[in-house]
Amino acid sequence: MTQLQMVCTLRTGTQERWRRLSQEVAGSRRAQFEASCRQAGITQVQVWLVQLPRSELLFVTMNTQEPQQTLKALATSERPFEHWLREQLQVLLGWNVQEVLPALQGDLLLAWG
């Protein structure tokens, strides 16, 4: 199992909206969320809201076998729940998940052990 991690800087004043979204996903949309995770190959999700002195971060950890396939599935699915969730994320983050997730790349700066 591989851990897929994403960190996003939150837009100012959106902390409470993130909390409400997470409550909705864990409550009235829980069955849809669980089905979406299963379809994308996600076995566990943790979302943390981290308060820093001058900003806030959203830290997401997902366990999955194929991280690239998972990102693609989340970005391209046309099922109603995923479409709704992408709309919510675009409003809260200020960017389109479908444009960003498939193109994610990074440079490894340090590895030890």
Protein backbone atom coordinates (compact mmCIF):
# COMPACT_ATOMS: atom_id res chain seq x y z
CA MET A 1 0.00 0.00 0.00
CA THR A 2 1.28 3.45 -0.95
CA GLN A 3 0.49 6.68 0.81
CA LEU A 4 -0.54 9.57 -1.40
CA GLN A 5 -0.17 12.93 0.33
CA MET A 6 -1.35 16.35 -0.76
CA VAL A 7 -0.90 19.68 0.98
CA CYS A 8 -2.81 22.81 0.00
CA THR A 9 -2.66 26.32 1.38
CA LEU A 10 -6.17 27.40 2.35
CA ARG A 11 -7.65 30.58 1.07
CA THR A 12 -8.21 33.16 3.81
CA GLY A 13 -11.53 32.80 5.59
CA THR A 14 -12.39 29.30 4.32
CA GLN A 15 -11.61 27.27 7.45
CA GLU A 16 -15.24 27.04 8.58
CA ARG A 17 -16.39 26.14 5.06
CA TRP A 18 -13.84 23.28 5.03
CA ARG A 19 -15.20 22.05 8.35
CA ARG A 20 -18.78 22.11 7.03
CA LEU A 21 -17.73 20.28 3.85
CA SER A 22 -16.00 17.56 5.87
CA GLN A 23 -19.08 17.19 8.09
CA GLU A 24 -21.30 16.83 5.03
CA VAL A 25 -18.98 14.23 3.47
CA ALA A 26 -18.78 12.28 6.75
CA GLY A 27 -22.52 12.61 7.34
CA SER A 28 -25.17 12.85 4.63
CA ARG A 29 -22.78 11.98 1.77
CA ARG A 30 -20.83 9.25 3.57
CA ALA A 31 -22.10 6.35 1.43
CA GLN A 32 -21.27 8.26 -1.76
CA PHE A 33 -17.83 9.14 -0.41
CA GLU A 34 -17.07 5.54 0.54
CA ALA A 35 -18.21 4.29 -2.89
CA SER A 36 -16.05 6.93 -4.58
CA CYS A 37 -13.01 5.87 -2.53
CA ARG A 38 -13.54 2.20 -3.38
CA GLN A 39 -13.90 3.01 -7.10
CA ALA A 40 -10.66 5.04 -7.02
CA GLY A 41 -8.76 2.33 -5.11
CA ILE A 42 -8.50 4.33 -1.88
CA THR A 43 -8.55 2.28 1.32
CA GLN A 44 -8.07 5.05 3.90
CA VAL A 45 -8.35 8.85 3.98
CA GLN A 46 -7.25 11.35 6.60
CA VAL A 47 -7.74 15.10 6.23
CA TRP A 48 -6.05 17.50 8.63
CA LEU A 49 -6.54 21.23 8.96
CA VAL A 50 -3.24 22.66 10.21
CA GLN A 51 -3.16 26.13 11.73
CA LEU A 52 0.12 28.02 11.17
CA PRO A 53 0.93 31.47 12.56
CA ARG A 54 0.02 33.26 9.31
CA SER A 55 -1.88 30.69 7.27
CA GLU A 56 -3.70 27.38 7.27
CA LEU A 57 -2.90 24.16 5.44
CA LEU A 58 -5.08 21.27 4.38
CA PHE A 59 -3.11 18.04 4.64
CA VAL A 60 -4.66 14.99 2.94
CA THR A 61 -3.33 11.44 3.20
CA MET A 62 -4.80 8.57 1.17
CA ASN A 63 -3.74 4.93 1.12
CA THR A 64 -3.91 3.45 -2.37
CA GLN A 65 -2.14 0.84 -4.49
CA GLU A 66 -1.72 3.03 -7.58
CA PRO A 67 -1.37 6.76 -6.75
CA GLN A 68 -1.32 7.97 -10.37
CA GLN A 69 -4.41 5.92 -11.23
CA THR A 70 -6.14 7.24 -8.11
CA LEU A 71 -5.41 10.86 -9.06
CA LYS A 72 -6.64 10.25 -12.59
CA ALA A 73 -9.82 8.59 -11.34
CA LEU A 74 -10.55 11.48 -8.97
CA ALA A 75 -9.91 14.11 -11.64
CA THR A 76 -11.80 12.51 -14.52
CA SER A 77 -14.76 10.68 -12.99
CA GLU A 78 -18.15 11.85 -14.23
CA ARG A 79 -20.13 10.27 -11.41
CA PRO A 80 -22.38 12.80 -9.62
CA PHE A 81 -20.57 12.70 -6.27
CA GLU A 82 -17.11 13.29 -7.75
CA HIS A 83 -18.48 16.11 -9.91
CA TRP A 84 -20.08 17.72 -6.83
CA LEU A 85 -16.89 17.30 -4.77
CA ARG A 86 -14.70 18.84 -7.50
CA GLU A 87 -17.05 21.85 -7.60
CA GLN A 88 -16.75 22.27 -3.84
CA LEU A 89 -12.96 22.02 -4.01
CA GLN A 90 -12.73 24.53 -6.83
CA VAL A 91 -14.72 27.09 -4.82
CA LEU A 92 -12.66 26.51 -1.67
CA LEU A 93 -9.22 26.19 -3.26
CA GLY A 94 -9.65 28.62 -6.12
CA TRP A 95 -8.29 26.21 -8.73
CA ASN A 96 -9.64 23.41 -10.89
CA VAL A 97 -8.75 19.95 -9.57
CA GLN A 98 -9.18 18.45 -13.06
CA GLU A 99 -6.46 20.71 -14.43
CA VAL A 100 -4.01 20.33 -11.55
CA LEU A 101 -4.15 16.71 -10.31
CA PRO A 102 -3.17 14.92 -13.56
CA ALA A 103 -0.19 17.25 -14.05
CA LEU A 104 1.24 16.98 -10.53
CA GLN A 105 4.96 16.45 -10.56
CA GLY A 106 7.64 17.22 -8.09
CA ASP A 107 11.36 17.21 -7.59
CA LEU A 108 12.73 15.04 -4.80
CA LEU A 109 14.93 17.34 -2.77
CA LEU A 110 16.08 15.02 -0.02
CA ALA A 111 15.76 11.32 0.78
CA TRP A 112 17.28 9.55 3.72
CA GLY A 113 17.16 5.96 4.90
